[in-house]
Amino acid sequence: MRRRRPKPLLFLAFVVIMGALMYANDLPVTTSNVGLKTAAGRLKVYYQETPPPMEWAVAAISVRDGEVWVDLTLPDAMAAAFLHVPRKKMLEALKNQCPPKTDKAWTVLLKTQDIEVRGLSPEGKALAAVSCRAALN
């Protein structure tokens, strides 16, 4: 019994498609909204597992401007005191709320993307912000 040979055009189409798929997988990702959304989802879980200090509350975790923003609302008394503490202490308190470099949220972000933790007053006014990528390096 003779074996059937694949049609040359069908075989060529298969080779071209496979080559294109292999080439596409090697292209660098320039924008990764999927990575940002995945990181935001992971951070929602992270802050449930590792909640912020007593009386701080996670107001929102959102994707903005190629970053994941974590908004933390501070209680009234702390927000007022936050304005009078040295800026270094304020930023250190926010830096302590960054997920560690070993957290899964970092694995889906590009090197140009970041997580920003922002301290907000109870009225929603931004008091200070810290870049987690810069703080953890």
Protein backbone atom coordinates (compact mmCIF):
# COMPACT_ATOMS: atom_id res chain seq x y z
CA MET A 1 0.00 0.00 0.00
CA ARG A 2 1.36 3.40 -0.94
CA ARG A 3 1.55 6.18 1.59
CA ARG A 4 -0.11 9.45 0.65
CA ARG A 5 2.14 12.46 0.44
CA PRO A 6 0.93 15.74 1.92
CA LYS A 7 -0.03 18.35 -0.58
CA PRO A 8 2.88 20.79 -0.98
CA LEU A 9 0.74 23.90 -0.55
CA LEU A 10 -0.89 22.58 2.63
CA PHE A 11 2.52 21.62 4.04
CA LEU A 12 3.96 25.05 3.16
CA ALA A 13 1.01 26.82 4.84
CA PHE A 14 1.57 24.75 7.98
CA VAL A 15 5.29 25.60 8.08
CA VAL A 16 4.63 29.32 7.53
CA ILE A 17 1.97 29.46 10.27
CA MET A 18 4.15 27.59 12.77
CA GLY A 19 7.11 29.84 11.96
CA ALA A 20 4.95 32.95 12.44
CA LEU A 21 3.71 31.68 15.80
CA MET A 22 7.24 30.92 16.97
CA TYR A 23 8.39 34.38 15.86
CA ALA A 24 5.44 36.11 17.58
CA ASN A 25 6.24 34.39 20.89
CA ASP A 26 9.75 35.86 20.82
CA LEU A 27 8.61 39.46 20.29
CA PRO A 28 8.97 41.70 23.33
CA VAL A 29 5.74 42.89 24.90
CA THR A 30 5.57 46.68 24.76
CA THR A 31 2.30 47.20 26.61
CA SER A 32 0.81 44.68 28.92
CA ASN A 33 -2.63 45.68 30.12
CA VAL A 34 -3.23 42.01 30.83
CA GLY A 35 -0.20 41.97 33.15
CA LEU A 36 -1.39 45.12 34.91
CA LYS A 37 -4.89 43.73 35.39
CA THR A 38 -3.49 40.42 36.62
CA ALA A 39 -1.20 42.23 39.07
CA ALA A 40 -4.14 44.32 40.32
CA GLY A 41 -6.14 41.15 40.91
CA ARG A 42 -3.23 39.57 42.75
CA LEU A 43 -2.80 42.66 44.93
CA LYS A 44 -6.45 42.47 45.98
CA VAL A 45 -5.69 39.01 47.33
CA TYR A 46 -2.36 40.16 48.81
CA TYR A 47 -4.00 42.93 50.86
CA GLN A 48 -6.63 40.49 52.14
CA GLU A 49 -3.86 38.11 53.25
CA THR A 50 -1.60 40.92 54.52
CA PRO A 51 -3.89 43.77 55.59
CA PRO A 52 -2.54 47.29 56.15
CA PRO A 53 -2.06 48.57 59.71
CA MET A 54 -5.00 48.90 62.08
CA GLU A 55 -7.55 51.50 60.96
CA TRP A 56 -5.97 51.88 57.49
CA ALA A 57 -8.25 50.73 54.71
CA VAL A 58 -7.65 49.73 51.10
CA ALA A 59 -9.80 52.27 49.24
CA ALA A 60 -9.05 51.05 45.71
CA ILE A 61 -6.65 49.01 43.63
CA SER A 62 -6.72 50.16 40.03
CA VAL A 63 -4.71 50.30 36.82
CA ARG A 64 -3.69 53.82 35.78
CA ASP A 65 -1.00 55.16 33.47
CA GLY A 66 0.89 51.87 33.14
CA GLU A 67 0.95 51.32 36.90
CA VAL A 68 -1.11 49.61 39.54
CA TRP A 69 -2.25 52.15 42.12
CA VAL A 70 -3.02 50.99 45.64
CA ASP A 71 -4.96 53.69 47.49
CA LEU A 72 -4.88 53.39 51.28
CA THR A 73 -7.22 55.58 53.35
CA LEU A 74 -5.81 56.70 56.67
CA PRO A 75 -8.02 57.44 59.71
CA ASP A 76 -8.77 61.11 60.52
CA ALA A 77 -6.30 61.44 63.39
CA MET A 78 -3.51 59.74 61.48
CA ALA A 79 -4.14 61.76 58.32
CA ALA A 80 -3.81 64.99 60.32
CA ALA A 81 -0.65 63.71 62.02
CA PHE A 82 0.67 62.44 58.68
CA LEU A 83 0.93 66.03 57.46
CA HIS A 84 3.16 66.98 60.40
CA VAL A 85 5.58 64.04 60.44
CA PRO A 86 8.84 64.28 58.49
CA ARG A 87 8.39 63.31 54.85
CA LYS A 88 10.91 60.48 55.22
CA LYS A 89 8.78 58.79 57.92
CA MET A 90 5.65 59.25 55.83
CA LEU A 91 7.25 57.58 52.81
CA GLU A 92 8.71 54.80 54.98
CA ALA A 93 5.22 53.99 56.32
CA LEU A 94 3.89 53.71 52.78
CA LYS A 95 6.93 51.75 51.59
CA ASN A 96 6.18 49.14 54.25
CA GLN A 97 2.85 48.52 52.50
CA CYS A 98 4.52 47.51 49.21
CA PRO A 99 4.31 43.82 48.31
CA PRO A 100 7.71 42.10 48.57
CA LYS A 101 9.72 41.45 45.40
CA THR A 102 8.92 37.75 45.80
CA ASP A 103 5.17 38.35 45.43
CA LYS A 104 3.53 36.96 42.29
CA ALA A 105 2.24 40.41 41.31
CA TRP A 106 5.77 41.39 40.24
CA THR A 107 6.15 38.42 37.88
CA VAL A 108 3.43 39.66 35.50
CA LEU A 109 4.64 43.26 35.30
CA LEU A 110 7.11 44.56 32.73
CA LYS A 111 10.31 46.21 33.96
CA THR A 112 8.79 49.58 33.02
CA GLN A 113 5.62 49.01 35.05
CA ASP A 114 5.25 49.72 38.73
CA ILE A 115 3.07 49.46 41.79
CA GLU A 116 2.38 52.78 43.50
CA VAL A 117 1.07 52.93 47.06
CA ARG A 118 -0.74 56.16 47.89
CA GLY A 119 -1.84 57.41 51.30
CA LEU A 120 -5.18 59.23 51.21
CA SER A 121 -7.05 61.35 53.73
CA PRO A 122 -10.57 60.18 54.66
CA GLU A 123 -11.87 62.71 52.10
CA GLY A 124 -9.81 61.04 49.37
CA LYS A 125 -7.08 63.70 49.10
CA ALA A 126 -3.66 62.24 48.26
CA LEU A 127 -1.18 62.87 51.08
CA ALA A 128 1.86 60.99 49.76
CA ALA A 129 2.79 58.26 47.30
CA VAL A 130 5.66 55.82 46.93
CA SER A 131 6.91 53.83 43.96
CA CYS A 132 7.31 50.24 45.13
CA ARG A 133 9.79 49.35 42.37
CA ALA A 134 12.08 52.21 43.41
CA ALA A 135 11.57 51.55 47.12
CA LEU A 136 12.38 47.85 46.90
CA ASN A 137 15.52 48.22 44.76
